[in-house]
Amino acid sequence: MEPWVGWLIAGLVVLLLVAIIIFVSGYVKAGPDEVIRISGMGKTKYLRGKSGYKFPFFQRKDKLHLKAFQVDVKTTESVPTAEFINIQVDAVANLKISDAPEDIERAFQCLLCISEQDRISQVQQVLQGNLREIVGTVGIRELVNDRKGVAEKVRDNVVPDMKKLGIELINFNIQNFTDENHVLENLGIDNISQISKSAAIARAMAKNPKLLLCDEPTGA
């Protein structure tokens, strides 16, 4: 056998190995908690919990994690209520990148090139803005007595903003209210006083039903 034939065979073997390596390197598999975008060659496809193929050198692979994350939402300064009582609010939100197709595309456009910490900071600012907006429309008693209802108002208000980022708000909970002038504390004391007074009256009437007659108007 001529020497050049051996070199030719060796060259073909090397080329075949390189081709196999390149082909195998294009195999892509996405886990259940992540979505992979394959773009290029005039088309885009998304993989979640399944495998696909990316043509090396001609297509690009990008990845986003879909795991839920938590954001602390604290007003950095006092917020005036509808009655102009300045309070501070401490809340927490749980969110995740939405798995709806149109939301995933938005998420890739808005969040792909920023770090996780920058993502949380961006979401935090949006939530804080919506929280301040809602707090400014309700009274202090509503804040105290219907915390869940106020949180629902914030949630309804913030969902469209989160959707623009491709993010789904799982839940939003208000944990605490504080104020420097002790209005909330005094309100609690007032409520306790009213409850104690009502209870005392109820006990007195139970012991002496004739007291009820004293409050009834007498005829002329």
Protein backbone atom coordinates (compact mmCIF):
# COMPACT_ATOMS: atom_id res chain seq x y z
CA MET A 1 0.00 0.00 0.00
CA GLU A 2 1.25 3.42 -0.92
CA PRO A 3 2.16 5.73 2.03
CA TRP A 4 -0.24 8.42 0.85
CA VAL A 5 -3.13 5.96 1.08
CA GLY A 6 -2.43 5.47 4.79
CA TRP A 7 -2.31 9.23 5.31
CA LEU A 8 -5.59 9.60 3.44
CA ILE A 9 -7.28 6.97 5.59
CA ALA A 10 -5.93 8.58 8.78
CA GLY A 11 -7.16 11.99 7.59
CA LEU A 12 -10.63 10.62 6.86
CA VAL A 13 -10.78 9.00 10.30
CA VAL A 14 -9.83 12.30 11.94
CA LEU A 15 -12.44 14.18 9.91
CA LEU A 16 -15.06 11.59 10.86
CA LEU A 17 -14.20 11.92 14.55
CA VAL A 18 -14.37 15.71 14.33
CA ALA A 19 -17.74 15.50 12.58
CA ILE A 20 -19.06 13.15 15.27
CA ILE A 21 -17.81 15.46 18.05
CA ILE A 22 -19.40 18.51 16.40
CA PHE A 23 -22.67 16.64 15.89
CA VAL A 24 -22.79 15.39 19.48
CA SER A 25 -21.98 18.89 20.79
CA GLY A 26 -25.20 20.13 19.21
CA TYR A 27 -27.36 17.87 21.40
CA VAL A 28 -29.31 19.99 23.90
CA LYS A 29 -31.47 18.87 26.83
CA ALA A 30 -33.52 21.16 29.03
CA GLY A 31 -34.47 20.22 32.59
CA PRO A 32 -38.01 20.59 33.99
CA ASP A 33 -37.13 23.84 35.80
CA GLU A 34 -35.42 25.58 32.91
CA VAL A 35 -36.19 26.71 29.39
CA ILE A 36 -33.64 26.78 26.59
CA ARG A 37 -34.02 29.02 23.56
CA ILE A 38 -32.35 27.94 20.32
CA SER A 39 -32.19 30.72 17.76
CA GLY A 40 -30.60 31.26 14.37
CA MET A 41 -31.00 30.11 10.78
CA GLY A 42 -34.25 32.06 10.59
CA LYS A 43 -36.13 30.29 13.36
CA THR A 44 -36.47 30.11 17.15
CA LYS A 45 -37.57 27.21 19.31
CA TYR A 46 -37.94 26.67 23.06
CA LEU A 47 -37.18 23.52 25.00
CA ARG A 48 -38.45 22.69 28.48
CA GLY A 49 -38.09 19.24 29.98
CA LYS A 50 -37.10 17.78 26.64
CA SER A 51 -34.16 17.50 24.27
CA GLY A 52 -33.43 19.08 20.92
CA TYR A 53 -30.64 19.91 18.53
CA LYS A 54 -28.64 23.08 17.91
CA PHE A 55 -26.56 23.33 14.76
CA PRO A 56 -23.05 24.25 15.95
CA PHE A 57 -21.70 27.60 14.70
CA PHE A 58 -25.04 28.45 13.08
CA GLN A 59 -27.42 28.58 16.05
CA ARG A 60 -27.26 30.07 19.52
CA LYS A 61 -28.36 28.55 22.83
CA ASP A 62 -29.69 30.67 25.75
CA LYS A 63 -31.06 29.45 29.06
CA LEU A 64 -33.39 30.79 31.78
CA HIS A 65 -34.28 29.07 35.05
CA LEU A 66 -37.97 28.81 35.95
CA LYS A 67 -37.54 28.16 39.67
CA ALA A 68 -39.55 30.38 41.99
CA PHE A 69 -37.73 33.15 43.81
CA GLN A 70 -38.60 35.38 46.74
CA VAL A 71 -38.38 39.16 46.94
CA ASP A 72 -38.58 41.26 50.11
CA VAL A 73 -40.69 44.35 49.50
CA LYS A 74 -40.04 47.08 52.05
CA THR A 75 -40.86 50.73 51.59
CA THR A 76 -37.56 52.60 51.88
CA GLU A 77 -39.38 55.61 53.32
CA SER A 78 -42.74 56.34 54.93
CA VAL A 79 -45.77 56.22 52.64
CA PRO A 80 -48.85 58.42 53.31
CA THR A 81 -52.18 56.61 53.48
CA ALA A 82 -55.43 58.08 52.18
CA GLU A 83 -55.65 59.90 55.54
CA PHE A 84 -52.07 61.23 55.19
CA ILE A 85 -50.77 59.03 58.00
CA ASN A 86 -47.19 58.08 57.21
CA ILE A 87 -46.47 54.37 57.58
CA GLN A 88 -43.85 51.86 56.51
CA VAL A 89 -44.81 48.52 55.02
CA ASP A 90 -42.97 45.22 55.11
CA ALA A 91 -44.12 42.60 52.59
CA VAL A 92 -42.81 39.58 50.70
CA ALA A 93 -43.55 38.27 47.20
CA ASN A 94 -42.95 34.90 45.54
CA LEU A 95 -42.50 34.94 41.79
CA LYS A 96 -41.31 32.83 38.86
CA ILE A 97 -40.71 33.24 35.17
CA SER A 98 -43.99 32.38 33.47
CA ASP A 99 -44.08 29.28 31.29
CA ALA A 100 -46.64 30.77 28.89
CA PRO A 101 -45.02 30.98 25.40
CA GLU A 102 -45.56 34.72 24.96
CA ASP A 103 -44.26 35.44 28.47
CA ILE A 104 -41.15 33.30 27.98
CA GLU A 105 -40.18 35.39 24.96
CA ARG A 106 -40.61 38.57 27.00
CA ALA A 107 -38.48 37.10 29.77
CA PHE A 108 -35.66 36.30 27.34
CA GLN A 109 -35.81 39.84 25.98
CA CYS A 110 -35.85 41.55 29.38
CA LEU A 111 -33.95 39.27 31.76
CA LEU A 112 -31.44 37.22 29.80
CA CYS A 113 -28.53 39.66 29.96
CA ILE A 114 -28.86 40.66 33.61
CA SER A 115 -27.68 38.86 36.75
CA GLU A 116 -30.04 37.21 39.22
CA GLN A 117 -29.41 39.97 41.75
CA ASP A 118 -30.19 42.67 39.17
CA ARG A 119 -33.35 40.77 38.25
CA ILE A 120 -34.50 40.71 41.87
CA SER A 121 -33.66 44.41 42.25
CA GLN A 122 -35.67 45.30 39.14
CA VAL A 123 -38.68 43.31 40.31
CA GLN A 124 -38.34 44.78 43.80
CA GLN A 125 -38.57 48.32 42.47
CA VAL A 126 -41.72 47.52 40.50
CA LEU A 127 -43.35 45.91 43.54
CA GLN A 128 -42.42 48.79 45.83
CA GLY A 129 -43.91 51.30 43.42
CA ASN A 130 -47.20 49.42 43.22
CA LEU A 131 -47.28 48.96 46.99
CA ARG A 132 -46.86 52.71 47.57
CA GLU A 133 -49.58 53.42 45.04
CA ILE A 134 -52.14 51.13 46.72
CA VAL A 135 -51.27 52.24 50.28
CA GLY A 136 -51.97 55.82 49.23
CA THR A 137 -55.55 54.93 48.28
CA VAL A 138 -56.70 53.17 51.46
CA GLY A 139 -57.31 54.23 55.04
CA ILE A 140 -55.37 53.17 58.08
CA ARG A 141 -58.18 51.00 59.47
CA GLU A 142 -58.50 49.11 56.19
CA LEU A 143 -54.76 48.46 56.23
CA VAL A 144 -54.96 47.03 59.73
CA ASN A 145 -58.25 45.15 59.51
CA ASP A 146 -58.09 43.86 55.94
CA ARG A 147 -54.43 43.15 55.29
CA LYS A 148 -55.29 40.33 52.90
CA GLY A 149 -57.61 42.57 50.89
CA VAL A 150 -54.93 45.25 50.56
CA ALA A 151 -52.42 42.61 49.43
CA GLU A 152 -54.91 41.46 46.77
CA LYS A 153 -55.19 45.04 45.50
CA VAL A 154 -51.41 45.22 45.20
CA ARG A 155 -51.36 41.88 43.41
CA ASP A 156 -54.03 42.96 40.90
CA ASN A 157 -52.17 46.20 40.31
CA VAL A 158 -48.75 44.62 39.80
CA VAL A 159 -49.67 41.67 37.55
CA PRO A 160 -49.67 43.71 34.28
CA ASP A 161 -46.23 45.16 35.13
CA MET A 162 -44.82 41.72 35.91
CA LYS A 163 -46.26 40.33 32.68
CA LYS A 164 -44.21 42.88 30.73
CA LEU A 165 -41.11 41.18 32.18
CA GLY A 166 -42.43 37.68 31.55
CA ILE A 167 -42.77 37.06 35.29
CA GLU A 168 -45.67 35.46 37.14
CA LEU A 169 -46.58 36.66 40.64
CA ILE A 170 -47.36 33.56 42.71
CA ASN A 171 -48.38 35.34 45.91
CA PHE A 172 -47.94 38.62 47.75
CA ASN A 173 -48.24 38.91 51.53
CA ILE A 174 -48.09 41.98 53.76
CA GLN A 175 -46.25 41.07 56.95
CA ASN A 176 -46.14 44.24 59.00
CA PHE A 177 -47.02 47.95 59.26
CA THR A 178 -45.12 50.48 61.36
CA ASP A 179 -45.28 54.22 61.90
CA GLU A 180 -43.16 56.68 63.84
CA ASN A 181 -46.09 58.47 65.49
CA HIS A 182 -47.55 55.28 67.06
CA VAL A 183 -50.87 55.76 65.29
CA LEU A 184 -51.18 52.03 64.69
CA GLU A 185 -50.39 51.30 68.32
CA ASN A 186 -52.98 53.80 69.54
CA LEU A 187 -55.51 52.41 67.10
CA GLY A 188 -54.97 48.98 68.59
CA ILE A 189 -55.37 50.37 72.10
CA ASP A 190 -58.58 52.11 71.04
CA ASN A 191 -59.94 48.88 69.57
CA ILE A 192 -59.07 46.97 72.73
CA SER A 193 -60.75 49.67 74.81
CA GLN A 194 -63.93 49.50 72.74
CA ILE A 195 -63.99 45.70 72.94
CA SER A 196 -63.43 45.78 76.71
CA LYS A 197 -66.20 48.36 77.13
CA SER A 198 -68.64 46.30 75.06
CA ALA A 199 -67.75 43.18 77.00
CA ALA A 200 -68.25 44.96 80.32
CA ILE A 201 -71.69 46.19 79.23
CA ALA A 202 -72.64 42.71 78.05
CA ARG A 203 -71.60 41.18 81.39
CA ALA A 204 -73.53 43.81 83.33
CA MET A 205 -76.69 43.21 81.29
CA ALA A 206 -76.33 39.48 81.72
CA LYS A 207 -76.22 39.91 85.50
CA ASN A 208 -79.05 42.47 85.62
CA PRO A 209 -81.47 42.30 82.64
CA LYS A 210 -83.43 45.25 84.11
CA LEU A 211 -80.68 47.54 82.86
CA LEU A 212 -82.09 47.04 79.38
CA LEU A 213 -85.32 48.72 80.45
CA CYS A 214 -83.44 51.85 81.51
CA ASP A 215 -82.41 52.51 77.93
CA GLU A 216 -85.93 52.15 76.52
CA PRO A 217 -87.89 55.39 75.92
CA THR A 218 -90.88 55.91 78.25
CA GLY A 219 -94.28 56.92 77.01
CA ALA A 220 -95.79 60.40 77.64
